[in-house]
């Protein structure tokens, strides 16, 4: 679910203080977009999924990034009805829970 190698790389690249700021910003932005997704606005869906995919990938939320990518393709191909926002929200929640529950893995200790 979490690409801990990517997380450790980002932590090392940014340093602990900047890493914490990036994580906080990421989670805040994601929460805002997740709330917007719940409003079921198809006009924003593709761009929101694109943003989520990139942010998630950068922070190591691999499963969530992959699911965003798959859903982004569905929207781009005119299959908005194929997008399972519930599964997307569940994947994000599970990813966030795993990430927050394992702070010892962030610095590459795992």
N, C-alpha and C. Protein backbone atom coordinates (compact mmCIF):
# COMPACT_ATOMS: atom_id res chain seq x y z
N UNK A 1 0.83 -1.19 0.00
CA UNK A 1 0.00 0.00 0.00
C UNK A 1 0.88 1.26 0.00
N UNK A 2 1.86 1.29 0.90
CA UNK A 2 2.79 2.43 0.97
C UNK A 2 4.14 1.97 0.43
N UNK A 3 4.71 2.79 -0.43
CA UNK A 3 6.05 2.53 -0.94
C UNK A 3 7.03 3.17 0.04
N UNK A 4 7.44 2.40 1.03
CA UNK A 4 8.29 2.94 2.10
C UNK A 4 9.65 3.36 1.59
N UNK A 5 10.12 2.75 0.53
CA UNK A 5 11.40 3.19 -0.06
C UNK A 5 11.27 4.61 -0.58
N UNK A 6 10.15 4.91 -1.26
CA UNK A 6 9.93 6.26 -1.77
C UNK A 6 9.80 7.25 -0.62
N UNK A 7 9.10 6.85 0.42
CA UNK A 7 8.93 7.72 1.59
C UNK A 7 10.30 8.04 2.20
N UNK A 8 11.14 7.03 2.35
CA UNK A 8 12.48 7.24 2.92
C UNK A 8 13.32 8.14 2.03
N UNK A 9 13.22 7.96 0.71
CA UNK A 9 13.96 8.82 -0.22
C UNK A 9 13.53 10.27 -0.08
N UNK A 10 12.22 10.49 -0.03
CA UNK A 10 11.71 11.85 0.11
C UNK A 10 12.15 12.44 1.45
N UNK A 11 12.08 11.65 2.49
CA UNK A 11 12.52 12.10 3.82
C UNK A 11 13.99 12.52 3.78
N UNK A 12 14.82 11.69 3.14
CA UNK A 12 16.25 11.99 3.05
C UNK A 12 16.51 13.22 2.20
N UNK A 13 15.76 13.37 1.11
CA UNK A 13 15.94 14.52 0.21
C UNK A 13 15.57 15.83 0.89
N UNK A 14 14.49 15.81 1.67
CA UNK A 14 13.96 17.04 2.25
C UNK A 14 14.48 17.33 3.65
N UNK A 15 14.88 16.31 4.36
CA UNK A 15 15.21 16.47 5.77
C UNK A 15 13.93 16.37 6.59
N UNK A 16 14.09 16.07 7.86
CA UNK A 16 12.95 15.78 8.72
C UNK A 16 11.95 16.93 8.81
N UNK A 17 12.45 18.16 9.00
CA UNK A 17 11.54 19.30 9.16
C UNK A 17 10.73 19.57 7.90
N UNK A 18 11.41 19.63 6.76
CA UNK A 18 10.70 19.90 5.50
C UNK A 18 9.79 18.74 5.12
N UNK A 19 10.23 17.53 5.43
CA UNK A 19 9.40 16.37 5.15
C UNK A 19 8.08 16.47 5.90
N UNK A 20 8.14 16.82 7.17
CA UNK A 20 6.93 16.94 7.97
C UNK A 20 5.99 17.99 7.38
N UNK A 21 6.55 19.09 6.89
CA UNK A 21 5.73 20.14 6.26
C UNK A 21 5.07 19.64 4.99
N UNK A 22 5.83 18.90 4.18
CA UNK A 22 5.29 18.36 2.93
C UNK A 22 4.16 17.37 3.23
N UNK A 23 4.35 16.52 4.21
CA UNK A 23 3.32 15.55 4.57
C UNK A 23 2.06 16.28 5.03
N UNK A 24 2.23 17.27 5.87
CA UNK A 24 1.08 18.03 6.37
C UNK A 24 0.34 18.70 5.22
N UNK A 25 1.08 19.33 4.31
CA UNK A 25 0.47 19.98 3.16
C UNK A 25 -0.25 18.96 2.27
N UNK A 26 0.40 17.85 2.01
CA UNK A 26 -0.19 16.79 1.19
C UNK A 26 -1.51 16.33 1.79
N UNK A 27 -1.50 15.99 3.06
CA UNK A 27 -2.70 15.47 3.69
C UNK A 27 -3.82 16.51 3.71
N UNK A 28 -3.48 17.78 3.94
CA UNK A 28 -4.49 18.84 3.91
C UNK A 28 -5.10 18.99 2.51
N UNK A 29 -4.24 19.00 1.49
CA UNK A 29 -4.74 19.14 0.13
C UNK A 29 -5.59 17.94 -0.28
N UNK A 30 -5.14 16.75 0.09
CA UNK A 30 -5.89 15.54 -0.24
C UNK A 30 -7.26 15.58 0.42
N UNK A 31 -7.31 15.94 1.68
CA UNK A 31 -8.59 16.00 2.39
C UNK A 31 -9.55 16.96 1.68
N UNK A 32 -9.03 18.10 1.23
CA UNK A 32 -9.87 19.05 0.51
C UNK A 32 -10.42 18.49 -0.79
N UNK A 33 -9.58 17.79 -1.51
CA UNK A 33 -10.03 17.21 -2.78
C UNK A 33 -10.99 16.06 -2.53
N UNK A 34 -10.72 15.26 -1.52
CA UNK A 34 -11.62 14.16 -1.19
C UNK A 34 -13.01 14.71 -0.84
N UNK A 35 -13.08 15.80 -0.11
CA UNK A 35 -14.37 16.41 0.20
C UNK A 35 -15.05 16.89 -1.08
N UNK A 36 -14.28 17.45 -2.00
CA UNK A 36 -14.85 17.91 -3.27
C UNK A 36 -15.35 16.72 -4.10
N UNK A 37 -14.62 15.60 -4.08
CA UNK A 37 -15.05 14.41 -4.81
C UNK A 37 -16.40 13.92 -4.32
N UNK A 38 -16.63 14.06 -3.05
CA UNK A 38 -17.90 13.62 -2.47
C UNK A 38 -19.08 14.43 -2.99
N UNK A 39 -18.81 15.61 -3.55
CA UNK A 39 -19.87 16.44 -4.12
C UNK A 39 -20.27 15.99 -5.52
N UNK A 40 -19.54 15.00 -6.04
CA UNK A 40 -19.87 14.37 -7.32
C UNK A 40 -19.95 15.39 -8.46
N UNK A 41 -18.84 16.12 -8.68
CA UNK A 41 -18.75 17.11 -9.76
C UNK A 41 -17.87 16.53 -10.87
N UNK A 42 -18.49 15.93 -11.91
CA UNK A 42 -17.71 15.30 -12.97
C UNK A 42 -16.80 16.25 -13.74
N UNK A 43 -17.10 17.55 -13.73
CA UNK A 43 -16.27 18.50 -14.48
C UNK A 43 -14.87 18.64 -13.89
N UNK A 44 -14.71 18.39 -12.62
CA UNK A 44 -13.41 18.48 -11.93
C UNK A 44 -12.74 17.13 -11.76
N UNK A 45 -13.46 16.06 -12.03
CA UNK A 45 -13.00 14.73 -11.64
C UNK A 45 -11.66 14.35 -12.25
N UNK A 46 -11.50 14.54 -13.55
CA UNK A 46 -10.24 14.13 -14.18
C UNK A 46 -9.05 14.91 -13.63
N UNK A 47 -9.19 16.22 -13.48
CA UNK A 47 -8.08 17.02 -12.96
C UNK A 47 -7.81 16.70 -11.49
N UNK A 48 -8.86 16.44 -10.72
CA UNK A 48 -8.66 16.06 -9.33
C UNK A 48 -7.92 14.73 -9.23
N UNK A 49 -8.31 13.76 -10.04
CA UNK A 49 -7.65 12.46 -10.02
C UNK A 49 -6.19 12.57 -10.46
N UNK A 50 -5.94 13.43 -11.45
CA UNK A 50 -4.57 13.65 -11.92
C UNK A 50 -3.72 14.23 -10.79
N UNK A 51 -4.25 15.23 -10.10
CA UNK A 51 -3.52 15.84 -8.99
C UNK A 51 -3.27 14.83 -7.87
N UNK A 52 -4.32 14.09 -7.52
CA UNK A 52 -4.19 13.09 -6.46
C UNK A 52 -3.15 12.04 -6.82
N UNK A 53 -3.17 11.60 -8.07
CA UNK A 53 -2.21 10.59 -8.54
C UNK A 53 -0.78 11.08 -8.35
N UNK A 54 -0.50 12.28 -8.78
CA UNK A 54 0.85 12.83 -8.68
C UNK A 54 1.30 13.03 -7.24
N UNK A 55 0.43 13.60 -6.45
CA UNK A 55 0.77 13.84 -5.05
C UNK A 55 0.98 12.53 -4.30
N UNK A 56 0.07 11.59 -4.53
CA UNK A 56 0.17 10.30 -3.85
C UNK A 56 1.44 9.57 -4.25
N UNK A 57 1.77 9.62 -5.51
CA UNK A 57 2.97 8.95 -6.00
C UNK A 57 4.22 9.56 -5.38
N UNK A 58 4.27 10.87 -5.31
CA UNK A 58 5.43 11.55 -4.73
C UNK A 58 5.63 11.20 -3.27
N UNK A 59 4.54 10.97 -2.55
CA UNK A 59 4.65 10.69 -1.13
C UNK A 59 4.69 9.21 -0.82
N UNK A 60 4.60 8.38 -1.83
CA UNK A 60 4.72 6.94 -1.59
C UNK A 60 3.41 6.22 -1.34
N UNK A 61 2.30 6.88 -1.58
CA UNK A 61 0.99 6.24 -1.44
C UNK A 61 0.71 5.49 -2.74
N UNK A 62 1.44 4.40 -2.96
CA UNK A 62 1.44 3.69 -4.23
C UNK A 62 0.10 3.14 -4.65
N UNK A 63 -0.59 2.44 -3.78
CA UNK A 63 -1.88 1.85 -4.14
C UNK A 63 -2.90 2.94 -4.47
N UNK A 64 -2.90 3.98 -3.69
CA UNK A 64 -3.82 5.10 -3.92
C UNK A 64 -3.50 5.78 -5.25
N UNK A 65 -2.22 5.99 -5.53
CA UNK A 65 -1.81 6.61 -6.79
C UNK A 65 -2.26 5.76 -7.98
N UNK A 66 -2.08 4.44 -7.88
CA UNK A 66 -2.49 3.54 -8.96
C UNK A 66 -3.99 3.58 -9.19
N UNK A 67 -4.75 3.60 -8.11
CA UNK A 67 -6.20 3.66 -8.23
C UNK A 67 -6.65 4.99 -8.84
N UNK A 68 -6.01 6.07 -8.44
CA UNK A 68 -6.31 7.38 -9.05
C UNK A 68 -6.02 7.34 -10.54
N UNK A 69 -4.91 6.74 -10.92
CA UNK A 69 -4.53 6.65 -12.33
C UNK A 69 -5.56 5.85 -13.12
N UNK A 70 -5.96 4.71 -12.59
CA UNK A 70 -6.96 3.87 -13.27
C UNK A 70 -8.27 4.64 -13.46
N UNK A 71 -8.70 5.35 -12.42
CA UNK A 71 -9.95 6.11 -12.51
C UNK A 71 -9.81 7.32 -13.43
N UNK A 72 -8.64 7.92 -13.45
CA UNK A 72 -8.39 9.04 -14.36
C UNK A 72 -8.56 8.58 -15.81
N UNK A 73 -8.06 7.41 -16.13
CA UNK A 73 -8.20 6.85 -17.48
C UNK A 73 -9.67 6.61 -17.81
N UNK A 74 -10.42 6.08 -16.86
CA UNK A 74 -11.85 5.85 -17.07
C UNK A 74 -12.56 7.17 -17.42
N UNK A 75 -12.28 8.21 -16.66
CA UNK A 75 -12.91 9.51 -16.91
C UNK A 75 -12.49 10.04 -18.27
N UNK A 76 -11.20 9.97 -18.56
CA UNK A 76 -10.69 10.47 -19.84
C UNK A 76 -11.35 9.77 -21.03
N UNK A 77 -11.68 8.50 -20.85
CA UNK A 77 -12.30 7.72 -21.91
C UNK A 77 -13.83 7.77 -21.87
N UNK A 78 -14.36 8.71 -21.10
CA UNK A 78 -15.81 8.92 -21.08
C UNK A 78 -16.58 7.92 -20.24
N UNK A 79 -15.89 7.23 -19.38
CA UNK A 79 -16.56 6.22 -18.55
C UNK A 79 -16.61 6.67 -17.08
N UNK A 80 -17.19 7.83 -16.86
CA UNK A 80 -17.28 8.37 -15.50
C UNK A 80 -18.04 7.42 -14.59
N UNK A 81 -19.02 6.72 -15.14
CA UNK A 81 -19.81 5.77 -14.36
C UNK A 81 -18.99 4.60 -13.84
N UNK A 82 -17.84 4.35 -14.41
CA UNK A 82 -16.97 3.26 -13.97
C UNK A 82 -16.11 3.64 -12.77
N UNK A 83 -16.07 4.91 -12.44
CA UNK A 83 -15.25 5.38 -11.32
C UNK A 83 -15.94 5.02 -10.01
N UNK A 84 -15.21 4.33 -9.16
CA UNK A 84 -15.72 3.92 -7.86
C UNK A 84 -15.11 4.83 -6.80
N UNK A 85 -15.81 5.93 -6.52
CA UNK A 85 -15.28 6.89 -5.55
C UNK A 85 -15.20 6.29 -4.15
N UNK A 86 -16.10 5.38 -3.83
CA UNK A 86 -16.05 4.72 -2.52
C UNK A 86 -14.76 3.94 -2.34
N UNK A 87 -14.38 3.18 -3.36
CA UNK A 87 -13.13 2.42 -3.30
C UNK A 87 -11.93 3.36 -3.21
N UNK A 88 -12.00 4.47 -3.92
CA UNK A 88 -10.92 5.45 -3.90
C UNK A 88 -10.78 6.04 -2.49
N UNK A 89 -11.90 6.42 -1.89
CA UNK A 89 -11.88 6.98 -0.54
C UNK A 89 -11.37 5.94 0.47
N UNK A 90 -11.82 4.70 0.32
CA UNK A 90 -11.38 3.63 1.23
C UNK A 90 -9.88 3.40 1.11
N UNK A 91 -9.37 3.40 -0.12
CA UNK A 91 -7.94 3.20 -0.33
C UNK A 91 -7.13 4.33 0.29
N UNK A 92 -7.60 5.57 0.11
CA UNK A 92 -6.90 6.71 0.72
C UNK A 92 -6.90 6.58 2.24
N UNK A 93 -8.06 6.26 2.81
CA UNK A 93 -8.17 6.14 4.27
C UNK A 93 -7.23 5.05 4.80
N UNK A 94 -7.19 3.91 4.11
CA UNK A 94 -6.32 2.81 4.53
C UNK A 94 -4.84 3.19 4.39
N UNK A 95 -4.52 3.88 3.30
CA UNK A 95 -3.14 4.33 3.08
C UNK A 95 -2.71 5.31 4.15
N UNK A 96 -3.57 6.27 4.43
CA UNK A 96 -3.26 7.27 5.45
C UNK A 96 -3.09 6.61 6.81
N UNK A 97 -3.97 5.67 7.12
CA UNK A 97 -3.89 4.97 8.41
C UNK A 97 -2.57 4.22 8.53
N UNK A 98 -2.18 3.51 7.48
CA UNK A 98 -0.90 2.77 7.51
C UNK A 98 0.28 3.73 7.64
N UNK A 99 0.24 4.83 6.90
CA UNK A 99 1.31 5.81 6.92
C UNK A 99 1.48 6.42 8.31
N UNK A 100 0.38 6.86 8.88
CA UNK A 100 0.41 7.52 10.19
C UNK A 100 0.77 6.53 11.30
N UNK A 101 0.38 5.28 11.14
CA UNK A 101 0.62 4.27 12.18
C UNK A 101 2.06 3.75 12.17
N UNK A 102 2.84 4.11 11.18
CA UNK A 102 4.20 3.56 11.06
C UNK A 102 5.27 4.63 10.94
N UNK A 103 5.32 5.57 11.87
CA UNK A 103 6.32 6.64 11.75
C UNK A 103 7.76 6.13 11.77
N UNK A 104 8.00 4.99 12.39
CA UNK A 104 9.35 4.44 12.45
C UNK A 104 9.85 4.04 11.06
N UNK A 105 8.96 3.81 10.11
CA UNK A 105 9.37 3.39 8.78
C UNK A 105 9.72 4.57 7.89
N UNK A 106 9.33 5.76 8.27
CA UNK A 106 9.50 6.93 7.42
C UNK A 106 10.96 7.24 7.17
N UNK A 107 11.80 7.10 8.15
CA UNK A 107 13.21 7.46 7.98
C UNK A 107 14.03 6.35 7.34
N UNK A 108 13.35 5.30 6.88
CA UNK A 108 14.07 4.22 6.21
C UNK A 108 14.52 3.13 7.17
N UNK A 109 14.00 3.15 8.38
CA UNK A 109 14.41 2.16 9.38
C UNK A 109 13.87 0.77 9.08
N UNK A 110 12.88 0.68 8.20
CA UNK A 110 12.25 -0.62 7.93
C UNK A 110 13.03 -1.45 6.95
